Amino acid sequence: MEPIRNNQFSSPHSIKQNIASVKEESFERMLEASMDEKDKKKLLASCQQFEAIFLQMILKNMRSSVNEDGFIQKSFDREIFEGMHDEKIAQQMAEGQGIGLAQQLYKQLSKQIITENNK
């Protein structure tokens, strides 16, 4: 395990970057495993995870476009809460109907599994 350096987690931005990189690595490993094992259930889960990450990015950008003059002041705690809230909403959206991105990815990638099985 990598030692924690001074100020590594000192800002919300650095924490968000670390979380984003972990999610990307997790998605990549999950996608590679599902393609290697030719497991369509894992492939669908990988596609839903990708859609959740995409939706979370959209929600984050939508939130950043809102004027900050509000009842509750902007703080580190609030940023963490909003990030966690956006993540949960994005996961629930992707597990349901979502925006159709996961289904389109699954449709395209599952063709590769079928093609590889026929070789």
C-alpha atoms as a PDB file:
ATOM      1  CA  MET A   1       0.000   0.000   0.000  1.00  0.00           C
ATOM      2  CA  GLU A   2       1.299   3.427  -0.918  1.00  0.00           C
ATOM      3  CA  PRO A   3       2.155   5.701   2.033  1.00  0.00           C
ATOM      4  CA  ILE A   4       0.081   8.836   2.474  1.00  0.00           C
ATOM      5  CA  ARG A   5       2.052  11.931   1.633  1.00  0.00           C
ATOM      6  CA  ASN A   6       1.577  15.303   3.285  1.00  0.00           C
ATOM      7  CA  ASN A   7      -1.447  17.134   1.899  1.00  0.00           C
ATOM      8  CA  GLN A   8      -2.389  14.172  -0.315  1.00  0.00           C
ATOM      9  CA  PHE A   9      -5.964  14.393   0.911  1.00  0.00           C
ATOM     10  CA  SER A  10      -5.975  18.009   1.912  1.00  0.00           C
ATOM     11  CA  SER A  11      -8.409  19.312  -0.669  1.00  0.00           C
ATOM     12  CA  PRO A  12     -11.752  18.143  -2.027  1.00  0.00           C
ATOM     13  CA  HIS A  13     -10.249  18.203  -5.515  1.00  0.00           C
ATOM     14  CA  SER A  14      -7.491  15.700  -4.660  1.00  0.00           C
ATOM     15  CA  ILE A  15      -9.993  13.373  -2.972  1.00  0.00           C
ATOM     16  CA  LYS A  16     -12.286  13.519  -5.996  1.00  0.00           C
ATOM     17  CA  GLN A  17      -9.369  12.762  -8.320  1.00  0.00           C
ATOM     18  CA  ASN A  18      -8.392   9.710  -6.243  1.00  0.00           C
ATOM     19  CA  ILE A  19     -11.970   8.428  -6.171  1.00  0.00           C
ATOM     20  CA  ALA A  20     -12.358   8.952  -9.927  1.00  0.00           C
ATOM     21  CA  SER A  21      -9.154   7.048 -10.689  1.00  0.00           C
ATOM     22  CA  VAL A  22     -10.262   4.134  -8.480  1.00  0.00           C
ATOM     23  CA  LYS A  23     -13.626   3.999 -10.270  1.00  0.00           C
ATOM     24  CA  GLU A  24     -11.961   4.031 -13.688  1.00  0.00           C
ATOM     25  CA  GLU A  25      -9.573   1.230 -12.724  1.00  0.00           C
ATOM     26  CA  SER A  26     -12.426  -0.790 -11.233  1.00  0.00           C
ATOM     27  CA  PHE A  27     -14.513  -0.347 -14.383  1.00  0.00           C
ATOM     28  CA  GLU A  28     -11.600  -1.329 -16.630  1.00  0.00           C
ATOM     29  CA  ARG A  29     -10.884  -4.488 -14.600  1.00  0.00           C
ATOM     30  CA  MET A  30     -14.545  -5.436 -14.568  1.00  0.00           C
ATOM     31  CA  LEU A  31     -14.906  -4.914 -18.325  1.00  0.00           C
ATOM     32  CA  GLU A  32     -11.752  -6.883 -19.116  1.00  0.00           C
ATOM     33  CA  ALA A  33     -12.851  -9.755 -16.860  1.00  0.00           C
ATOM     34  CA  SER A  34     -16.295  -9.931 -18.433  1.00  0.00           C
ATOM     35  CA  MET A  35     -14.839  -9.927 -21.956  1.00  0.00           C
ATOM     36  CA  ASP A  36     -12.200 -12.544 -21.067  1.00  0.00           C
ATOM     37  CA  GLU A  37     -14.721 -14.814 -19.360  1.00  0.00           C
ATOM     38  CA  LYS A  38     -17.362 -14.102 -22.018  1.00  0.00           C
ATOM     39  CA  ASP A  39     -19.821 -13.494 -19.180  1.00  0.00           C
ATOM     40  CA  LYS A  40     -22.783 -11.449 -20.409  1.00  0.00           C
ATOM     41  CA  LYS A  41     -24.073 -10.705 -16.887  1.00  0.00           C
ATOM     42  CA  LYS A  42     -20.741  -9.203 -15.891  1.00  0.00           C
ATOM     43  CA  LEU A  43     -20.642  -7.315 -19.188  1.00  0.00           C
ATOM     44  CA  LEU A  44     -24.056  -5.779 -18.491  1.00  0.00           C
ATOM     45  CA  ALA A  45     -22.924  -4.832 -14.965  1.00  0.00           C
ATOM     46  CA  SER A  46     -19.786  -3.215 -16.440  1.00  0.00           C
ATOM     47  CA  CYS A  47     -21.874  -1.235 -18.910  1.00  0.00           C
ATOM     48  CA  GLN A  48     -24.173  -0.083 -16.104  1.00  0.00           C
ATOM     49  CA  GLN A  49     -21.151   0.959 -14.055  1.00  0.00           C
ATOM     50  CA  PHE A  50     -19.860   2.988 -17.003  1.00  0.00           C
ATOM     51  CA  GLU A  51     -23.254   4.665 -17.391  1.00  0.00           C
ATOM     52  CA  ALA A  52     -23.291   5.447 -13.648  1.00  0.00           C
ATOM     53  CA  ILE A  53     -19.865   7.116 -13.900  1.00  0.00           C
ATOM     54  CA  PHE A  54     -21.045   9.100 -16.927  1.00  0.00           C
ATOM     55  CA  LEU A  55     -24.260  10.175 -15.182  1.00  0.00           C
ATOM     56  CA  GLN A  56     -22.321  11.192 -12.086  1.00  0.00           C
ATOM     57  CA  MET A  57     -20.125  13.431 -14.223  1.00  0.00           C
ATOM     58  CA  ILE A  58     -23.234  15.007 -15.751  1.00  0.00           C
ATOM     59  CA  LEU A  59     -24.786  15.606 -12.327  1.00  0.00           C
ATOM     60  CA  LYS A  60     -21.539  17.112 -11.039  1.00  0.00           C
ATOM     61  CA  ASN A  61     -21.349  19.505 -13.987  1.00  0.00           C
ATOM     62  CA  MET A  62     -25.010  20.426 -13.620  1.00  0.00           C
ATOM     63  CA  ARG A  63     -24.459  21.180  -9.929  1.00  0.00           C
ATOM     64  CA  SER A  64     -21.409  23.334 -10.708  1.00  0.00           C
ATOM     65  CA  SER A  65     -23.493  25.460 -13.077  1.00  0.00           C
ATOM     66  CA  VAL A  66     -25.866  26.521 -10.279  1.00  0.00           C
ATOM     67  CA  ASN A  67     -25.272  29.910  -8.670  1.00  0.00           C
ATOM     68  CA  GLU A  68     -23.640  29.549  -5.219  1.00  0.00           C
ATOM     69  CA  ASP A  69     -25.733  32.272  -3.562  1.00  0.00           C
ATOM     70  CA  GLY A  70     -27.817  30.041  -1.387  1.00  0.00           C
ATOM     71  CA  PHE A  71     -29.098  29.339   2.049  1.00  0.00           C
ATOM     72  CA  ILE A  72     -26.327  26.846   2.887  1.00  0.00           C
ATOM     73  CA  GLN A  73     -22.733  27.975   2.519  1.00  0.00           C
ATOM     74  CA  LYS A  74     -20.343  26.017   0.338  1.00  0.00           C
ATOM     75  CA  SER A  75     -17.976  23.916   2.439  1.00  0.00           C
ATOM     76  CA  PHE A  76     -15.773  20.833   2.231  1.00  0.00           C
ATOM     77  CA  ASP A  77     -18.439  18.806   4.059  1.00  0.00           C
ATOM     78  CA  ARG A  78     -21.135  19.932   1.660  1.00  0.00           C
ATOM     79  CA  GLU A  79     -18.993  19.059  -1.376  1.00  0.00           C
ATOM     80  CA  ILE A  80     -18.393  15.549  -0.009  1.00  0.00           C
ATOM     81  CA  PHE A  81     -22.108  15.076   0.717  1.00  0.00           C
ATOM     82  CA  GLU A  82     -23.142  16.336  -2.722  1.00  0.00           C
ATOM     83  CA  GLY A  83     -20.587  14.077  -4.399  1.00  0.00           C
ATOM     84  CA  MET A  84     -21.839  11.044  -2.489  1.00  0.00           C
ATOM     85  CA  HIS A  85     -25.442  12.002  -3.235  1.00  0.00           C
ATOM     86  CA  ASP A  86     -24.727  12.389  -6.952  1.00  0.00           C
ATOM     87  CA  GLU A  87     -22.938   9.029  -6.982  1.00  0.00           C
ATOM     88  CA  LYS A  88     -25.903   7.239  -5.400  1.00  0.00           C
ATOM     89  CA  ILE A  89     -28.419   8.884  -7.731  1.00  0.00           C
ATOM     90  CA  ALA A  90     -26.274   7.983 -10.753  1.00  0.00           C
ATOM     91  CA  GLN A  91     -25.991   4.347  -9.608  1.00  0.00           C
ATOM     92  CA  GLN A  92     -29.745   4.056  -9.131  1.00  0.00           C
ATOM     93  CA  MET A  93     -30.417   5.639 -12.524  1.00  0.00           C
ATOM     94  CA  ALA A  94     -27.989   3.294 -14.282  1.00  0.00           C
ATOM     95  CA  GLU A  95     -29.384   0.202 -12.535  1.00  0.00           C
ATOM     96  CA  GLY A  96     -32.869   1.159 -13.714  1.00  0.00           C
ATOM     97  CA  GLN A  97     -33.578   2.330 -17.241  1.00  0.00           C
ATOM     98  CA  GLY A  98     -30.865   4.996 -17.153  1.00  0.00           C
ATOM     99  CA  ILE A  99     -30.398   6.985 -20.316  1.00  0.00           C
ATOM    100  CA  GLY A 100     -29.883   3.952 -22.531  1.00  0.00           C
ATOM    101  CA  LEU A 101     -26.113   4.209 -22.679  1.00  0.00           C
ATOM    102  CA  ALA A 102     -25.523   0.938 -20.811  1.00  0.00           C
ATOM    103  CA  GLN A 103     -27.908  -0.926 -23.131  1.00  0.00           C
ATOM    104  CA  GLN A 104     -26.219   0.432 -26.243  1.00  0.00           C
ATOM    105  CA  LEU A 105     -22.751  -0.420 -24.921  1.00  0.00           C
ATOM    106  CA  TYR A 106     -23.936  -3.902 -23.969  1.00  0.00           C
ATOM    107  CA  LYS A 107     -25.488  -4.440 -27.381  1.00  0.00           C
ATOM    108  CA  GLN A 108     -22.257  -3.450 -29.124  1.00  0.00           C
ATOM    109  CA  LEU A 109     -19.841  -5.306 -26.822  1.00  0.00           C
ATOM    110  CA  SER A 110     -21.923  -8.482 -26.631  1.00  0.00           C
ATOM    111  CA  LYS A 111     -21.562  -8.765 -30.415  1.00  0.00           C
ATOM    112  CA  GLN A 112     -17.811  -9.100 -29.862  1.00  0.00           C
ATOM    113  CA  ILE A 113     -18.390 -11.956 -27.407  1.00  0.00           C
ATOM    114  CA  ILE A 114     -20.637 -13.748 -29.896  1.00  0.00           C
ATOM    115  CA  THR A 115     -18.131 -13.197 -32.724  1.00  0.00           C
ATOM    116  CA  GLU A 116     -15.247 -14.538 -30.606  1.00  0.00           C
ATOM    117  CA  ASN A 117     -17.296 -17.599 -29.627  1.00  0.00           C
ATOM    118  CA  ASN A 118     -17.929 -18.413 -33.295  1.00  0.00           C
ATOM    119  CA  LYS A 119     -14.224 -18.374 -34.202  1.00  0.00           C
END
